[in-house]
Amino acid sequence: MKKTIIGALVGGIILFMWQFLSWTAINLHSASQQYTPKQDSIISYLGSTLGKQGGYYIPGAPVGTSFEEMEKLAVTNVGKPWASIQYHDALEYNMGLNMARSLAVDIALVWILCWLFSKFSKNSFATTFTVSIAMGIFVYLNAPYTGHIWYPIFDIRAYLIDFIVMWALTGLWLGWWLNRKSAA
C-alpha cells in the first residue's frame, strides 16, 4: 500500500508539473489562447447579444428544428466561417483552488494506474512504462481528439505531446518505483 501511495503522489506531481510547464513556460497551447486587441468590444458584444452564459455553436439551429432542416443548414454553411463560444458572465480567478483540484485529480489518476499494476501477475519496468504511455494515448483519444473530430481545436498537437510526454515521464517513475527490489 505504501508503494502505491508514494507512487501515486510522485506520479501525480509529475503529471501536474508537466501540465504546468506545457501551459506556461513552454506555452504549447498558445494557438488556442490567442490575443486580439478587440477583446473588450467582443466581450461587450457577446454579453449584450447572447443574454446568458453558456456554450454556443454558430451557425446553429433553434431547439425543435427538424433533422432535415438542420441537415440543410449544415450543407448551406459548408465552407463558411463558424464559431464555438464558451461565454461566462464573470471571470472567476482562484488559481490556488484550481491547482489543488488539478493536482488531486492527477494523483487519483496515477493511483488508479498503480492499482491496475498491482493486479498484474507479472510486471516489469518495460510493462509499466508501455502501459503508462498507452494510458496517455487512451485519454488523449477519448477526450481531446474525439472532441476535435467534431469541433476542431487549434492546440490538438499540443494535447498529443502533453499526454505522451507526461504519461511517459510518469511511466519512467512508476517503472522504477513499482518494480524496484525492496531492501530486505
N, C-alpha and C. Protein backbone atom coordinates (compact mmCIF):
# COMPACT_ATOMS: atom_id res chain seq x y z
N MET A 1 0.82 -1.20 0.00
CA MET A 1 0.00 0.00 0.00
C MET A 1 0.87 1.26 0.00
N LYS A 2 1.96 1.23 0.79
CA LYS A 2 2.87 2.37 0.86
C LYS A 2 3.46 2.65 -0.52
N LYS A 3 3.80 1.60 -1.25
CA LYS A 3 4.38 1.74 -2.58
C LYS A 3 3.38 2.43 -3.52
N THR A 4 2.11 2.04 -3.43
CA THR A 4 1.07 2.63 -4.28
C THR A 4 0.85 4.09 -3.93
N ILE A 5 0.80 4.40 -2.65
CA ILE A 5 0.56 5.79 -2.22
C ILE A 5 1.71 6.69 -2.66
N ILE A 6 2.94 6.27 -2.43
CA ILE A 6 4.09 7.09 -2.83
C ILE A 6 4.15 7.18 -4.35
N GLY A 7 3.90 6.06 -5.03
CA GLY A 7 3.88 6.06 -6.50
C GLY A 7 2.86 7.05 -7.04
N ALA A 8 1.65 7.05 -6.44
CA ALA A 8 0.59 7.94 -6.88
C ALA A 8 0.92 9.41 -6.58
N LEU A 9 1.45 9.68 -5.40
CA LEU A 9 1.79 11.06 -5.04
C LEU A 9 2.86 11.63 -5.97
N VAL A 10 3.94 10.90 -6.15
CA VAL A 10 5.03 11.40 -7.01
C VAL A 10 4.57 11.43 -8.46
N GLY A 11 3.87 10.39 -8.90
CA GLY A 11 3.36 10.36 -10.27
C GLY A 11 2.40 11.50 -10.54
N GLY A 12 1.52 11.78 -9.59
CA GLY A 12 0.59 12.90 -9.74
C GLY A 12 1.32 14.22 -9.84
N ILE A 13 2.37 14.37 -9.07
CA ILE A 13 3.18 15.61 -9.14
C ILE A 13 3.87 15.71 -10.49
N ILE A 14 4.33 14.58 -11.04
CA ILE A 14 4.95 14.59 -12.37
C ILE A 14 3.94 15.06 -13.42
N LEU A 15 2.73 14.48 -13.39
CA LEU A 15 1.69 14.92 -14.34
C LEU A 15 1.41 16.41 -14.18
N PHE A 16 1.24 16.83 -12.95
CA PHE A 16 0.92 18.22 -12.65
C PHE A 16 2.03 19.16 -13.15
N MET A 17 3.27 18.80 -12.90
CA MET A 17 4.39 19.66 -13.29
C MET A 17 4.48 19.77 -14.82
N TRP A 18 4.25 18.64 -15.52
CA TRP A 18 4.27 18.73 -16.98
C TRP A 18 3.16 19.65 -17.47
N GLN A 19 1.95 19.52 -16.91
CA GLN A 19 0.84 20.38 -17.32
C GLN A 19 1.20 21.85 -17.07
N PHE A 20 1.81 22.12 -15.93
CA PHE A 20 2.22 23.49 -15.61
C PHE A 20 3.21 24.00 -16.66
N LEU A 21 4.23 23.20 -16.96
CA LEU A 21 5.23 23.62 -17.94
C LEU A 21 4.61 23.79 -19.33
N SER A 22 3.76 22.86 -19.71
CA SER A 22 3.15 22.89 -21.04
C SER A 22 2.31 24.14 -21.26
N TRP A 23 1.55 24.54 -20.24
CA TRP A 23 0.65 25.69 -20.38
C TRP A 23 1.33 27.02 -20.06
N THR A 24 2.49 26.99 -19.40
CA THR A 24 3.14 28.26 -19.02
C THR A 24 4.49 28.42 -19.71
N ALA A 25 5.53 27.84 -19.16
CA ALA A 25 6.89 28.06 -19.64
C ALA A 25 7.09 27.66 -21.10
N ILE A 26 6.59 26.49 -21.49
CA ILE A 26 6.75 26.02 -22.86
C ILE A 26 5.67 26.62 -23.76
N ASN A 27 4.50 26.88 -23.19
CA ASN A 27 3.38 27.53 -23.87
C ASN A 27 2.94 26.79 -25.14
N LEU A 28 2.79 25.48 -25.03
CA LEU A 28 2.37 24.67 -26.17
C LEU A 28 0.95 25.00 -26.63
N HIS A 29 0.12 25.50 -25.74
CA HIS A 29 -1.29 25.71 -26.06
C HIS A 29 -1.61 27.13 -26.51
N SER A 30 -0.60 27.89 -26.90
CA SER A 30 -0.83 29.29 -27.27
C SER A 30 -1.78 29.44 -28.45
N ALA A 31 -1.82 28.46 -29.34
CA ALA A 31 -2.70 28.56 -30.52
C ALA A 31 -4.17 28.60 -30.14
N SER A 32 -4.52 28.12 -28.95
CA SER A 32 -5.93 28.12 -28.54
C SER A 32 -6.26 29.29 -27.60
N GLN A 33 -5.28 30.15 -27.37
CA GLN A 33 -5.49 31.27 -26.45
C GLN A 33 -4.91 32.56 -27.03
N GLN A 34 -5.16 32.77 -28.30
CA GLN A 34 -4.59 33.93 -28.96
C GLN A 34 -5.22 35.23 -28.46
N TYR A 35 -4.43 36.26 -28.52
CA TYR A 35 -4.86 37.59 -28.10
C TYR A 35 -5.44 38.35 -29.28
N THR A 36 -6.45 39.12 -29.02
CA THR A 36 -6.95 40.07 -30.01
C THR A 36 -7.10 41.43 -29.32
N PRO A 37 -6.64 42.48 -29.96
CA PRO A 37 -6.80 43.81 -29.36
C PRO A 37 -8.26 44.25 -29.30
N LYS A 38 -9.14 43.50 -29.95
CA LYS A 38 -10.57 43.84 -29.96
C LYS A 38 -11.32 43.09 -28.87
N GLN A 39 -10.60 42.53 -27.89
CA GLN A 39 -11.25 41.68 -26.89
C GLN A 39 -12.33 42.40 -26.08
N ASP A 40 -12.10 43.63 -25.72
CA ASP A 40 -13.10 44.35 -24.92
C ASP A 40 -14.41 44.54 -25.69
N SER A 41 -14.30 44.92 -26.96
CA SER A 41 -15.53 45.12 -27.75
C SER A 41 -16.20 43.78 -28.05
N ILE A 42 -15.43 42.73 -28.23
CA ILE A 42 -16.00 41.40 -28.50
C ILE A 42 -16.77 40.91 -27.27
N ILE A 43 -16.15 41.02 -26.09
CA ILE A 43 -16.82 40.58 -24.85
C ILE A 43 -18.08 41.41 -24.62
N SER A 44 -18.00 42.70 -24.83
CA SER A 44 -19.17 43.57 -24.65
C SER A 44 -20.29 43.16 -25.61
N TYR A 45 -19.91 42.90 -26.85
CA TYR A 45 -20.91 42.49 -27.85
C TYR A 45 -21.53 41.14 -27.49
N LEU A 46 -20.71 40.19 -27.10
CA LEU A 46 -21.23 38.88 -26.72
C LEU A 46 -22.19 39.00 -25.53
N GLY A 47 -21.79 39.78 -24.54
CA GLY A 47 -22.64 39.96 -23.36
C GLY A 47 -23.99 40.56 -23.70
N SER A 48 -23.98 41.54 -24.57
CA SER A 48 -25.25 42.19 -24.91
C SER A 48 -26.07 41.37 -25.91
N THR A 49 -25.42 40.51 -26.67
CA THR A 49 -26.11 39.75 -27.70
C THR A 49 -26.59 38.38 -27.21
N LEU A 50 -25.76 37.68 -26.47
CA LEU A 50 -26.11 36.32 -26.05
C LEU A 50 -27.14 36.31 -24.92
N GLY A 51 -27.03 37.24 -24.02
CA GLY A 51 -28.01 37.34 -22.95
C GLY A 51 -27.75 36.48 -21.72
N LYS A 52 -27.11 35.34 -21.90
CA LYS A 52 -26.82 34.49 -20.73
C LYS A 52 -25.58 33.66 -21.02
N GLN A 53 -24.95 33.21 -19.95
CA GLN A 53 -23.77 32.39 -20.13
C GLN A 53 -24.16 31.02 -20.66
N GLY A 54 -23.23 30.40 -21.38
CA GLY A 54 -23.48 29.09 -21.94
C GLY A 54 -22.53 28.79 -23.08
N GLY A 55 -22.67 27.61 -23.64
CA GLY A 55 -21.88 27.21 -24.79
C GLY A 55 -22.71 27.41 -26.05
N TYR A 56 -22.11 28.02 -27.05
CA TYR A 56 -22.82 28.34 -28.28
C TYR A 56 -22.05 27.82 -29.48
N TYR A 57 -22.77 27.26 -30.42
CA TYR A 57 -22.21 26.84 -31.70
C TYR A 57 -22.90 27.66 -32.77
N ILE A 58 -22.09 28.37 -33.57
CA ILE A 58 -22.64 29.28 -34.57
C ILE A 58 -22.04 28.93 -35.93
N PRO A 59 -22.81 28.64 -36.94
CA PRO A 59 -24.25 28.75 -37.02
C PRO A 59 -24.93 27.51 -36.42
N GLY A 60 -25.94 27.75 -35.64
CA GLY A 60 -26.71 26.68 -35.02
C GLY A 60 -28.16 26.77 -35.43
N ALA A 61 -28.93 25.87 -34.87
CA ALA A 61 -30.38 25.85 -35.16
C ALA A 61 -31.14 25.93 -33.85
N PRO A 62 -32.29 26.55 -33.85
CA PRO A 62 -33.10 26.64 -32.63
C PRO A 62 -33.55 25.25 -32.15
N VAL A 63 -33.80 25.13 -30.86
CA VAL A 63 -34.33 23.89 -30.31
C VAL A 63 -35.63 23.57 -31.01
N GLY A 64 -35.81 22.31 -31.37
CA GLY A 64 -37.03 21.88 -32.04
C GLY A 64 -36.91 21.83 -33.55
N THR A 65 -35.77 22.28 -34.09
CA THR A 65 -35.56 22.23 -35.54
C THR A 65 -35.50 20.77 -35.98
N SER A 66 -36.16 20.46 -37.08
CA SER A 66 -36.18 19.08 -37.57
C SER A 66 -34.78 18.68 -38.07
N PHE A 67 -34.56 17.38 -38.12
CA PHE A 67 -33.28 16.87 -38.60
C PHE A 67 -33.03 17.32 -40.03
N GLU A 68 -34.06 17.30 -40.84
CA GLU A 68 -33.93 17.72 -42.25
C GLU A 68 -33.51 19.18 -42.36
N GLU A 69 -34.12 20.03 -41.54
CA GLU A 69 -33.76 21.46 -41.56
C GLU A 69 -32.34 21.67 -41.06
N MET A 70 -31.94 20.91 -40.02
CA MET A 70 -30.57 21.02 -39.51
C MET A 70 -29.57 20.55 -40.57
N GLU A 71 -29.89 19.49 -41.26
CA GLU A 71 -29.04 18.98 -42.33
C GLU A 71 -28.88 20.03 -43.44
N LYS A 72 -29.98 20.66 -43.81
CA LYS A 72 -29.97 21.70 -44.84
C LYS A 72 -29.10 22.89 -44.40
N LEU A 73 -29.25 23.30 -43.13
CA LEU A 73 -28.44 24.39 -42.58
C LEU A 73 -26.96 24.04 -42.63
N ALA A 74 -26.64 22.81 -42.26
CA ALA A 74 -25.23 22.38 -42.28
C ALA A 74 -24.66 22.42 -43.69
N VAL A 75 -25.38 21.88 -44.65
CA VAL A 75 -24.91 21.87 -46.04
C VAL A 75 -24.76 23.29 -46.57
N THR A 76 -25.70 24.17 -46.24
CA THR A 76 -25.66 25.56 -46.68
C THR A 76 -24.42 26.28 -46.15
N ASN A 77 -23.95 25.89 -44.98
CA ASN A 77 -22.85 26.61 -44.33
C ASN A 77 -21.48 25.98 -44.55
N VAL A 78 -21.41 24.90 -45.30
CA VAL A 78 -20.10 24.28 -45.58
C VAL A 78 -19.21 25.31 -46.28
N GLY A 79 -18.00 25.44 -45.78
CA GLY A 79 -17.04 26.38 -46.35
C GLY A 79 -17.14 27.80 -45.81
N LYS A 80 -18.12 28.05 -44.95
CA LYS A 80 -18.29 29.38 -44.37
C LYS A 80 -17.71 29.40 -42.95
N PRO A 81 -17.43 30.58 -42.40
CA PRO A 81 -16.91 30.67 -41.03
C PRO A 81 -17.90 30.11 -40.01
N TRP A 82 -17.35 29.63 -38.90
CA TRP A 82 -18.17 29.14 -37.79
C TRP A 82 -17.42 29.40 -36.50
N ALA A 83 -18.13 29.31 -35.39
CA ALA A 83 -17.50 29.56 -34.09
C ALA A 83 -18.12 28.68 -33.02
N SER A 84 -17.30 28.36 -32.06
CA SER A 84 -17.74 27.69 -30.84
C SER A 84 -17.38 28.64 -29.71
N ILE A 85 -18.38 29.07 -28.96
CA ILE A 85 -18.17 30.09 -27.93
C ILE A 85 -18.54 29.53 -26.56
N GLN A 86 -17.67 29.70 -25.60
CA GLN A 86 -17.96 29.39 -24.20
C GLN A 86 -18.02 30.73 -23.50
N TYR A 87 -19.23 31.22 -23.28
CA TYR A 87 -19.40 32.56 -22.71
C TYR A 87 -19.78 32.45 -21.24
N HIS A 88 -19.07 33.21 -20.41
CA HIS A 88 -19.31 33.23 -18.97
C HIS A 88 -19.61 34.65 -18.53
N ASP A 89 -20.55 34.79 -17.58
CA ASP A 89 -20.93 36.11 -17.09
C ASP A 89 -19.83 36.80 -16.30
N ALA A 90 -19.01 36.01 -15.60
CA ALA A 90 -17.99 36.61 -14.75
C ALA A 90 -16.76 35.71 -14.67
N LEU A 91 -15.60 36.31 -14.81
CA LEU A 91 -14.35 35.57 -14.67
C LEU A 91 -14.12 35.27 -13.20
N GLU A 92 -13.89 34.00 -12.91
CA GLU A 92 -13.55 33.60 -11.55
C GLU A 92 -12.09 33.22 -11.56
N TYR A 93 -11.34 33.81 -10.68
CA TYR A 93 -9.90 33.56 -10.66
C TYR A 93 -9.51 33.05 -9.29
N ASN A 94 -9.37 31.75 -9.19
CA ASN A 94 -8.96 31.13 -7.94
C ASN A 94 -7.87 30.12 -8.27
N MET A 95 -6.71 30.63 -8.62
CA MET A 95 -5.61 29.79 -9.07
C MET A 95 -5.25 28.72 -8.05
N GLY A 96 -5.23 29.05 -6.79
CA GLY A 96 -4.87 28.06 -5.76
C GLY A 96 -5.82 26.89 -5.73
N LEU A 97 -7.11 27.16 -5.72
CA LEU A 97 -8.10 26.09 -5.70
C LEU A 97 -8.04 25.26 -6.98
N ASN A 98 -7.93 25.92 -8.12
CA ASN A 98 -7.84 25.20 -9.39
C ASN A 98 -6.61 24.30 -9.45
N MET A 99 -5.50 24.80 -8.96
CA MET A 99 -4.27 23.99 -8.96
C MET A 99 -4.41 22.81 -8.00
N ALA A 100 -5.01 23.03 -6.85
CA ALA A 100 -5.20 21.94 -5.88
C ALA A 100 -6.12 20.87 -6.47
N ARG A 101 -7.19 21.29 -7.12
CA ARG A 101 -8.10 20.32 -7.74
C ARG A 101 -7.39 19.53 -8.83
N SER A 102 -6.60 20.21 -9.64
CA SER A 102 -5.87 19.56 -10.72
C SER A 102 -4.88 18.53 -10.16
N LEU A 103 -4.14 18.93 -9.15
CA LEU A 103 -3.18 18.01 -8.53
C LEU A 103 -3.89 16.81 -7.93
N ALA A 104 -5.01 17.02 -7.27
CA ALA A 104 -5.77 15.91 -6.68
C ALA A 104 -6.24 14.93 -7.75
N VAL A 105 -6.71 15.44 -8.87
CA VAL A 105 -7.14 14.57 -9.96
C VAL A 105 -5.95 13.80 -10.52
N ASP A 106 -4.82 14.48 -10.72
CA ASP A 106 -3.62 13.80 -11.22
C ASP A 106 -3.18 12.67 -10.30
N ILE A 107 -3.19 12.92 -9.00
CA ILE A 107 -2.81 11.88 -8.04
C ILE A 107 -3.80 10.72 -8.11
N ALA A 108 -5.09 11.02 -8.21
CA ALA A 108 -6.10 9.95 -8.31
C ALA A 108 -5.90 9.12 -9.58
N LEU A 109 -5.61 9.77 -10.69
CA LEU A 109 -5.37 9.04 -11.94
C LEU A 109 -4.18 8.09 -11.81
N VAL A 110 -3.10 8.56 -11.23
CA VAL A 110 -1.92 7.71 -11.08
C VAL A 110 -2.19 6.62 -10.05
N TRP A 111 -2.97 6.93 -9.02
CA TRP A 111 -3.33 5.89 -8.05
C TRP A 111 -4.10 4.76 -8.75
N ILE A 112 -5.05 5.10 -9.62
CA ILE A 112 -5.80 4.08 -10.36
C ILE A 112 -4.85 3.24 -11.21
N LEU A 113 -3.90 3.90 -11.87
CA LEU A 113 -2.93 3.17 -12.68
C LEU A 113 -2.07 2.24 -11.81
N CYS A 114 -1.63 2.73 -10.65
CA CYS A 114 -0.85 1.89 -9.72
C CYS A 114 -1.67 0.69 -9.26
N TRP A 115 -2.95 0.93 -8.99
CA TRP A 115 -3.83 -0.16 -8.57
C TRP A 115 -3.92 -1.21 -9.67
N LEU A 116 -4.06 -0.76 -10.93
CA LEU A 116 -4.09 -1.71 -12.05
C LEU A 116 -2.80 -2.51 -12.13
N PHE A 117 -1.67 -1.83 -11.95
CA PHE A 117 -0.38 -2.54 -11.99
C PHE A 117 -0.30 -3.59 -10.88
N SER A 118 -0.90 -3.31 -9.75
CA SER A 118 -0.85 -4.28 -8.64
C SER A 118 -1.63 -5.55 -8.97
N LYS A 119 -2.51 -5.50 -9.95
CA LYS A 119 -3.30 -6.67 -10.35
C LYS A 119 -2.59 -7.52 -11.40
N PHE A 120 -1.49 -7.02 -11.96
CA PHE A 120 -0.74 -7.78 -12.96
C PHE A 120 -0.02 -8.93 -12.26
N SER A 121 -0.09 -10.11 -12.84
CA SER A 121 0.63 -11.24 -12.24
C SER A 121 2.13 -11.09 -12.45
N LYS A 122 2.51 -10.52 -13.57
CA LYS A 122 3.92 -10.23 -13.84
C LYS A 122 3.99 -8.77 -14.29
N ASN A 123 4.88 -8.05 -13.66
CA ASN A 123 5.07 -6.66 -14.05
C ASN A 123 6.56 -6.42 -14.18
N SER A 124 6.93 -5.48 -15.02
CA SER A 124 8.33 -5.14 -15.22
C SER A 124 8.41 -3.66 -15.53
N PHE A 125 9.61 -3.16 -15.57
CA PHE A 125 9.81 -1.76 -15.93
C PHE A 125 9.20 -1.49 -17.31
N ALA A 126 9.51 -2.35 -18.29
CA ALA A 126 9.03 -2.15 -19.66
C ALA A 126 7.50 -2.18 -19.72
N THR A 127 6.87 -3.11 -19.00
CA THR A 127 5.41 -3.19 -19.00
C THR A 127 4.81 -1.93 -18.38
N THR A 128 5.34 -1.52 -17.26
CA THR A 128 4.83 -0.32 -16.58
C THR A 128 4.98 0.90 -17.47
N PHE A 129 6.14 1.05 -18.08
CA PHE A 129 6.39 2.20 -18.96
C PHE A 129 5.45 2.19 -20.16
N THR A 130 5.32 1.04 -20.82
CA THR A 130 4.48 0.92 -22.01
C THR A 130 3.01 1.14 -21.69
N VAL A 131 2.53 0.55 -20.61
CA VAL A 131 1.13 0.71 -20.22
C VAL A 131 0.85 2.16 -19.82
N SER A 132 1.81 2.81 -19.21
CA SER A 132 1.63 4.23 -18.85
C SER A 132 1.46 5.09 -20.10
N ILE A 133 2.29 4.85 -21.11
CA ILE A 133 2.14 5.60 -22.36
C ILE A 133 0.80 5.27 -23.01
N ALA A 134 0.41 3.99 -22.96
CA ALA A 134 -0.90 3.60 -23.51
C ALA A 134 -2.02 4.34 -22.80
N MET A 135 -1.88 4.52 -21.48
CA MET A 135 -2.88 5.27 -20.70
C MET A 135 -2.99 6.69 -21.26
N GLY A 136 -1.87 7.32 -21.52
CA GLY A 136 -1.87 8.67 -22.09
C GLY A 136 -2.55 8.71 -23.44
N ILE A 137 -2.27 7.72 -24.27
CA ILE A 137 -2.88 7.67 -25.61
C ILE A 137 -4.38 7.44 -25.49
N PHE A 138 -4.81 6.55 -24.59
CA PHE A 138 -6.24 6.31 -24.38
C PHE A 138 -6.95 7.60 -23.97
N VAL A 139 -6.37 8.30 -23.00
CA VAL A 139 -7.00 9.53 -22.50
C VAL A 139 -7.05 10.58 -23.62
N TYR A 140 -5.97 10.71 -24.36
CA TYR A 140 -5.92 11.66 -25.47
C TYR A 140 -6.99 11.34 -26.52
N LEU A 141 -7.06 10.09 -26.93
CA LEU A 141 -8.02 9.71 -27.97
C LEU A 141 -9.46 9.86 -27.50
N ASN A 142 -9.71 9.56 -26.22
CA ASN A 142 -11.07 9.61 -25.70
C ASN A 142 -11.57 11.03 -25.47
N ALA A 143 -10.70 11.94 -25.10
CA ALA A 143 -11.16 13.28 -24.75
C ALA A 143 -10.81 14.32 -25.82
N PRO A 144 -9.59 14.87 -25.83
CA PRO A 144 -9.36 15.98 -26.78
C PRO A 144 -9.53 15.56 -28.24
N TYR A 145 -9.02 14.38 -28.62
CA TYR A 145 -9.07 14.03 -30.04
C TYR A 145 -10.49 13.76 -30.52
N THR A 146 -11.28 13.03 -29.73
CA THR A 146 -12.66 12.76 -30.12
C THR A 146 -13.45 14.06 -30.23
N GLY A 147 -13.24 14.99 -29.32
CA GLY A 147 -13.89 16.29 -29.42
C GLY A 147 -13.41 17.05 -30.64
N HIS A 148 -12.11 16.94 -30.95
CA HIS A 148 -11.50 17.64 -32.08
C HIS A 148 -12.09 17.16 -33.41
N ILE A 149 -12.50 15.91 -33.47
CA ILE A 149 -13.09 15.38 -34.70
C ILE A 149 -14.30 16.23 -35.10
N TRP A 150 -15.10 16.60 -34.11
CA TRP A 150 -16.33 17.36 -34.37
C TRP A 150 -16.14 18.86 -34.30
N TYR A 151 -15.34 19.30 -33.35
CA TYR A 151 -15.13 20.74 -33.14
C TYR A 151 -13.62 20.98 -33.06
N PRO A 152 -12.97 21.12 -34.22
CA PRO A 152 -11.51 21.24 -34.24
C PRO A 152 -10.98 22.33 -33.31
N ILE A 153 -9.92 21.98 -32.60
CA ILE A 153 -9.24 22.93 -31.72
C ILE A 153 -7.85 23.18 -32.27
N PHE A 154 -7.33 24.34 -31.98
CA PHE A 154 -6.06 24.75 -32.57
C PHE A 154 -4.84 24.18 -31.87
N ASP A 155 -5.03 23.59 -30.70
CA ASP A 155 -3.89 23.04 -29.96
C ASP A 155 -3.96 21.53 -29.82
N ILE A 156 -4.54 20.85 -30.81
CA ILE A 156 -4.68 19.39 -30.72
C ILE A 156 -3.31 18.70 -30.67
N ARG A 157 -2.33 19.20 -31.39
CA ARG A 157 -0.98 18.59 -31.34
C ARG A 157 -0.34 18.80 -29.96
N ALA A 158 -0.63 19.93 -29.36
CA ALA A 158 -0.10 20.18 -28.01
C ALA A 158 -0.67 19.16 -27.03
N TYR A 159 -1.95 18.84 -27.15
CA TYR A 159 -2.54 17.82 -26.29
C TYR A 159 -1.88 16.46 -26.51
N LEU A 160 -1.61 16.12 -27.77
CA LEU A 160 -0.94 14.84 -28.05
C LEU A 160 0.44 14.81 -27.39
N ILE A 161 1.19 15.88 -27.55
CA ILE A 161 2.51 15.98 -26.90
C ILE A 161 2.35 15.85 -25.38
N ASP A 162 1.39 16.59 -24.83
CA ASP A 162 1.16 16.55 -23.38
C ASP A 162 0.93 15.12 -22.89
N PHE A 163 -0.03 14.44 -23.50
CA PHE A 163 -0.40 13.12 -22.99
C PHE A 163 0.70 12.10 -23.16
N ILE A 164 1.45 12.17 -24.24
CA ILE A 164 2.56 11.22 -24.41
C ILE A 164 3.69 11.54 -23.44
N VAL A 165 4.09 12.80 -23.38
CA VAL A 165 5.23 13.16 -22.52
C VAL A 165 4.92 12.94 -21.04
N MET A 166 3.77 13.45 -20.57
CA MET A 166 3.52 13.36 -19.13
C MET A 166 3.31 11.92 -18.68
N TRP A 167 2.68 11.09 -19.53
CA TRP A 167 2.49 9.70 -19.13
C TRP A 167 3.77 8.88 -19.32
N ALA A 168 4.63 9.27 -20.28
CA ALA A 168 5.94 8.60 -20.41
C ALA A 168 6.81 8.92 -19.19
N LEU A 169 6.83 10.18 -18.78
CA LEU A 169 7.60 10.55 -17.58
C LEU A 169 7.07 9.82 -16.34
N THR A 170 5.75 9.77 -16.23
CA THR A 170 5.14 9.05 -15.11
C THR A 170 5.46 7.56 -15.20
N GLY A 171 5.46 7.02 -16.42
CA GLY A 171 5.81 5.61 -16.62
C GLY A 171 7.25 5.31 -16.24
N LEU A 172 8.16 6.24 -16.53
CA LEU A 172 9.56 6.06 -16.11
C LEU A 172 9.63 5.97 -14.58
N TRP A 173 8.96 6.89 -13.92
CA TRP A 173 8.94 6.90 -12.46
C TRP A 173 8.33 5.61 -11.91
N LEU A 174 7.14 5.28 -12.37
CA LEU A 174 6.45 4.10 -11.85
C LEU A 174 7.18 2.82 -12.22
N GLY A 175 7.76 2.79 -13.41
CA GLY A 175 8.53 1.60 -13.82
C GLY A 175 9.67 1.32 -12.86
N TRP A 176 10.34 2.38 -12.44
CA TRP A 176 11.42 2.21 -11.47
C TRP A 176 10.85 1.93 -10.08
N TRP A 177 9.93 2.77 -9.62
CA TRP A 177 9.43 2.70 -8.25
C TRP A 177 8.68 1.40 -7.95
N LEU A 178 7.78 1.02 -8.81
CA LEU A 178 6.94 -0.15 -8.53
C LEU A 178 7.66 -1.47 -8.75
N ASN A 179 8.74 -1.45 -9.51
CA ASN A 179 9.45 -2.70 -9.84
C ASN A 179 10.82 -2.83 -9.19
N ARG A 180 11.16 -1.89 -8.33
CA ARG A 180 12.46 -1.97 -7.66
C ARG A 180 12.40 -3.02 -6.58
N LYS A 181 13.52 -3.57 -6.31
CA LYS A 181 13.60 -4.58 -5.25
C LYS A 181 13.73 -3.87 -3.92
N SER A 182 12.85 -4.23 -3.00
CA SER A 182 12.88 -3.63 -1.65
C SER A 182 14.08 -4.14 -0.88
N ALA A 183 14.65 -3.27 -0.07
CA ALA A 183 15.77 -3.68 0.77
C ALA A 183 15.25 -4.67 1.83
N ALA A 184 15.95 -5.78 1.97
CA ALA A 184 15.49 -6.82 2.89
C ALA A 184 15.90 -6.56 4.30
